[in-house]
Amino acid sequence: MPRWQIQEAKARMSELIKRAQERPQDITSHGKSVAVVMSRAAFDRLSQRDGSLVDLMRRSPFYGADDLDLERDKSLTREISL
């Protein structure tokens, strides 16, 4: 993924946006990645919702299973030493 320093991205915003139409562009600050600029189409594709939570649960391999043990484990998760 192409990398841009923030200062360069600000100075060349038009070019950054044009390149983001082809593939995501990484924005860095002090050598660390802080943001990604991508096309609207790529963003929409990544953030697309496939129905409601109920629809998601119905697609679960556990949907309709009657033999699930859903009782909570009441044991302590760690020992407490005083």
N, C-alpha and C. Protein backbone atom coordinates (compact mmCIF):
# COMPACT_ATOMS: atom_id res chain seq x y z
N MET A 1 0.84 -1.16 0.00
CA MET A 1 0.00 0.00 0.00
C MET A 1 0.90 1.24 0.00
N PRO A 2 0.65 2.16 -0.89
CA PRO A 2 1.45 3.40 -0.92
C PRO A 2 1.32 4.18 0.39
N ARG A 3 2.43 4.77 0.82
CA ARG A 3 2.45 5.51 2.09
C ARG A 3 2.67 6.99 1.81
N TRP A 4 1.97 7.81 2.56
CA TRP A 4 2.08 9.26 2.46
C TRP A 4 2.30 9.83 3.86
N GLN A 5 3.24 10.73 4.02
CA GLN A 5 3.35 11.47 5.26
C GLN A 5 2.22 12.49 5.28
N ILE A 6 1.75 12.85 6.46
CA ILE A 6 0.61 13.76 6.56
C ILE A 6 0.86 15.06 5.79
N GLN A 7 2.04 15.64 5.92
CA GLN A 7 2.34 16.90 5.25
C GLN A 7 2.22 16.74 3.74
N GLU A 8 2.74 15.65 3.21
CA GLU A 8 2.68 15.38 1.78
C GLU A 8 1.24 15.15 1.34
N ALA A 9 0.47 14.42 2.14
CA ALA A 9 -0.94 14.15 1.81
C ALA A 9 -1.73 15.45 1.75
N LYS A 10 -1.47 16.37 2.69
CA LYS A 10 -2.17 17.66 2.68
C LYS A 10 -1.80 18.47 1.45
N ALA A 11 -0.54 18.49 1.10
CA ALA A 11 -0.07 19.28 -0.02
C ALA A 11 -0.53 18.72 -1.37
N ARG A 12 -0.75 17.41 -1.42
CA ARG A 12 -1.10 16.77 -2.70
C ARG A 12 -2.44 16.03 -2.58
N MET A 13 -3.40 16.66 -1.91
CA MET A 13 -4.69 16.03 -1.63
C MET A 13 -5.39 15.53 -2.89
N SER A 14 -5.42 16.30 -3.95
CA SER A 14 -6.09 15.89 -5.18
C SER A 14 -5.49 14.59 -5.73
N GLU A 15 -4.16 14.52 -5.76
CA GLU A 15 -3.50 13.32 -6.25
C GLU A 15 -3.77 12.13 -5.32
N LEU A 16 -3.75 12.38 -4.02
CA LEU A 16 -4.05 11.33 -3.04
C LEU A 16 -5.43 10.73 -3.31
N ILE A 17 -6.41 11.59 -3.50
CA ILE A 17 -7.78 11.12 -3.74
C ILE A 17 -7.87 10.34 -5.05
N LYS A 18 -7.22 10.84 -6.09
CA LYS A 18 -7.24 10.12 -7.38
C LYS A 18 -6.62 8.73 -7.23
N ARG A 19 -5.50 8.63 -6.53
CA ARG A 19 -4.85 7.33 -6.34
C ARG A 19 -5.68 6.40 -5.46
N ALA A 20 -6.42 6.97 -4.52
CA ALA A 20 -7.26 6.16 -3.63
C ALA A 20 -8.39 5.49 -4.39
N GLN A 21 -8.73 6.02 -5.57
CA GLN A 21 -9.76 5.38 -6.39
C GLN A 21 -9.29 4.03 -6.91
N GLU A 22 -7.98 3.87 -7.05
CA GLU A 22 -7.41 2.63 -7.56
C GLU A 22 -7.10 1.64 -6.44
N ARG A 23 -6.52 2.14 -5.33
CA ARG A 23 -6.21 1.28 -4.19
C ARG A 23 -6.02 2.15 -2.95
N PRO A 24 -6.20 1.59 -1.76
CA PRO A 24 -6.07 2.37 -0.52
C PRO A 24 -4.69 2.99 -0.37
N GLN A 25 -4.67 4.16 0.29
CA GLN A 25 -3.45 4.91 0.52
C GLN A 25 -3.24 5.05 2.03
N ASP A 26 -2.05 4.74 2.49
CA ASP A 26 -1.71 4.77 3.91
C ASP A 26 -1.16 6.15 4.27
N ILE A 27 -1.70 6.76 5.34
CA ILE A 27 -1.22 8.05 5.82
C ILE A 27 -0.44 7.81 7.11
N THR A 28 0.78 8.39 7.18
CA THR A 28 1.63 8.17 8.34
C THR A 28 1.94 9.48 9.06
N SER A 29 2.23 9.34 10.34
CA SER A 29 2.68 10.45 11.17
C SER A 29 3.83 9.94 12.02
N HIS A 30 4.97 10.57 11.90
CA HIS A 30 6.17 10.15 12.62
C HIS A 30 6.48 8.67 12.34
N GLY A 31 6.27 8.26 11.09
CA GLY A 31 6.59 6.90 10.68
C GLY A 31 5.58 5.84 11.03
N LYS A 32 4.50 6.21 11.71
CA LYS A 32 3.47 5.23 12.10
C LYS A 32 2.20 5.46 11.31
N SER A 33 1.60 4.38 10.88
CA SER A 33 0.35 4.47 10.14
C SER A 33 -0.76 5.01 11.05
N VAL A 34 -1.46 6.06 10.59
CA VAL A 34 -2.52 6.67 11.40
C VAL A 34 -3.87 6.69 10.70
N ALA A 35 -3.88 6.50 9.37
CA ALA A 35 -5.14 6.55 8.64
C ALA A 35 -4.97 5.88 7.28
N VAL A 36 -6.10 5.55 6.69
CA VAL A 36 -6.11 5.00 5.35
C VAL A 36 -7.16 5.76 4.55
N VAL A 37 -6.79 6.19 3.35
CA VAL A 37 -7.74 6.85 2.45
C VAL A 37 -8.08 5.83 1.37
N MET A 38 -9.38 5.63 1.16
CA MET A 38 -9.83 4.66 0.15
C MET A 38 -11.01 5.23 -0.61
N SER A 39 -11.34 4.60 -1.71
CA SER A 39 -12.47 5.05 -2.51
C SER A 39 -13.77 4.84 -1.76
N ARG A 40 -14.78 5.58 -2.14
CA ARG A 40 -16.10 5.43 -1.53
C ARG A 40 -16.63 4.02 -1.81
N ALA A 41 -16.40 3.52 -3.00
CA ALA A 41 -16.88 2.18 -3.35
C ALA A 41 -16.26 1.12 -2.45
N ALA A 42 -14.96 1.23 -2.19
CA ALA A 42 -14.28 0.27 -1.31
C ALA A 42 -14.82 0.37 0.11
N PHE A 43 -15.03 1.60 0.57
CA PHE A 43 -15.58 1.80 1.92
C PHE A 43 -16.97 1.19 2.03
N ASP A 44 -17.83 1.47 1.05
CA ASP A 44 -19.19 0.92 1.07
C ASP A 44 -19.18 -0.60 1.07
N ARG A 45 -18.28 -1.18 0.29
CA ARG A 45 -18.18 -2.64 0.21
C ARG A 45 -17.76 -3.22 1.57
N LEU A 46 -16.80 -2.58 2.24
CA LEU A 46 -16.31 -3.07 3.53
C LEU A 46 -17.31 -2.85 4.66
N SER A 47 -18.10 -1.80 4.58
CA SER A 47 -19.01 -1.49 5.67
C SER A 47 -20.43 -1.97 5.41
N GLN A 48 -20.63 -2.68 4.32
CA GLN A 48 -21.96 -3.17 3.97
C GLN A 48 -22.47 -4.14 5.02
N ARG A 49 -23.70 -3.94 5.42
CA ARG A 49 -24.32 -4.82 6.39
C ARG A 49 -25.13 -5.87 5.66
N ASP A 50 -25.03 -7.08 6.10
CA ASP A 50 -25.79 -8.17 5.50
C ASP A 50 -26.98 -8.51 6.38
N GLY A 51 -27.91 -7.59 6.51
CA GLY A 51 -29.11 -7.85 7.29
C GLY A 51 -28.95 -7.48 8.75
N SER A 52 -29.90 -7.92 9.54
CA SER A 52 -29.95 -7.58 10.95
C SER A 52 -29.18 -8.59 11.79
N LEU A 53 -29.11 -8.32 13.09
CA LEU A 53 -28.48 -9.25 14.02
C LEU A 53 -29.24 -10.57 14.02
N VAL A 54 -30.55 -10.50 13.92
CA VAL A 54 -31.37 -11.73 13.89
C VAL A 54 -31.01 -12.56 12.66
N ASP A 55 -30.84 -11.91 11.51
CA ASP A 55 -30.45 -12.63 10.29
C ASP A 55 -29.10 -13.30 10.47
N LEU A 56 -28.15 -12.60 11.10
CA LEU A 56 -26.83 -13.16 11.35
C LEU A 56 -26.94 -14.39 12.25
N MET A 57 -27.74 -14.28 13.30
CA MET A 57 -27.89 -15.41 14.22
C MET A 57 -28.56 -16.61 13.54
N ARG A 58 -29.48 -16.34 12.64
CA ARG A 58 -30.15 -17.44 11.91
C ARG A 58 -29.20 -18.15 10.96
N ARG A 59 -28.14 -17.46 10.51
CA ARG A 59 -27.15 -18.09 9.63
C ARG A 59 -26.11 -18.87 10.42
N SER A 60 -26.15 -18.78 11.73
CA SER A 60 -25.19 -19.47 12.58
C SER A 60 -25.33 -20.98 12.45
N PRO A 61 -24.22 -21.71 12.51
CA PRO A 61 -24.32 -23.18 12.47
C PRO A 61 -25.01 -23.74 13.71
N PHE A 62 -25.18 -22.93 14.74
CA PHE A 62 -25.84 -23.38 15.96
C PHE A 62 -27.34 -23.11 15.96
N TYR A 63 -27.84 -22.43 14.93
CA TYR A 63 -29.26 -22.09 14.87
C TYR A 63 -30.10 -23.38 14.87
N GLY A 64 -31.03 -23.44 15.79
CA GLY A 64 -31.92 -24.59 15.88
C GLY A 64 -31.37 -25.75 16.68
N ALA A 65 -30.13 -25.65 17.14
CA ALA A 65 -29.53 -26.75 17.91
C ALA A 65 -30.15 -26.76 19.31
N ASP A 66 -30.64 -27.91 19.72
CA ASP A 66 -31.27 -28.04 21.03
C ASP A 66 -30.30 -28.58 22.09
N ASP A 67 -29.13 -29.01 21.69
CA ASP A 67 -28.22 -29.65 22.63
C ASP A 67 -27.09 -28.73 23.10
N LEU A 68 -27.28 -27.41 23.00
CA LEU A 68 -26.26 -26.48 23.47
C LEU A 68 -26.33 -26.31 24.98
N ASP A 69 -25.18 -26.33 25.63
CA ASP A 69 -25.11 -26.10 27.06
C ASP A 69 -24.79 -24.62 27.28
N LEU A 70 -25.78 -23.84 27.65
CA LEU A 70 -25.60 -22.40 27.81
C LEU A 70 -25.51 -21.98 29.27
N GLU A 71 -25.30 -22.93 30.16
CA GLU A 71 -25.17 -22.61 31.58
C GLU A 71 -23.82 -21.94 31.82
N ARG A 72 -23.83 -20.88 32.59
CA ARG A 72 -22.61 -20.11 32.86
C ARG A 72 -21.70 -20.87 33.81
N ASP A 73 -20.41 -20.85 33.50
CA ASP A 73 -19.40 -21.44 34.37
C ASP A 73 -19.19 -20.50 35.55
N LYS A 74 -19.45 -20.94 36.76
CA LYS A 74 -19.38 -20.08 37.93
C LYS A 74 -18.05 -20.16 38.67
N SER A 75 -17.07 -20.86 38.10
CA SER A 75 -15.77 -20.95 38.75
C SER A 75 -15.03 -19.62 38.63
N LEU A 76 -14.11 -19.38 39.56
CA LEU A 76 -13.31 -18.16 39.51
C LEU A 76 -12.36 -18.23 38.32
N THR A 77 -12.10 -17.09 37.74
CA THR A 77 -11.21 -17.05 36.59
C THR A 77 -9.75 -17.03 36.98
N ARG A 78 -9.48 -16.65 38.23
CA ARG A 78 -8.10 -16.64 38.71
C ARG A 78 -8.12 -16.75 40.24
N GLU A 79 -7.00 -17.15 40.75
CA GLU A 79 -6.87 -17.25 42.20
C GLU A 79 -6.49 -15.89 42.77
N ILE A 80 -7.06 -15.56 43.88
CA ILE A 80 -6.74 -14.30 44.54
C ILE A 80 -5.84 -14.59 45.72
N SER A 81 -4.64 -14.03 45.74
CA SER A 81 -3.73 -14.25 46.87
C SER A 81 -3.60 -12.95 47.64
N LEU A 82 -3.72 -13.07 48.94
CA LEU A 82 -3.64 -11.88 49.80
C LEU A 82 -2.33 -11.81 50.52
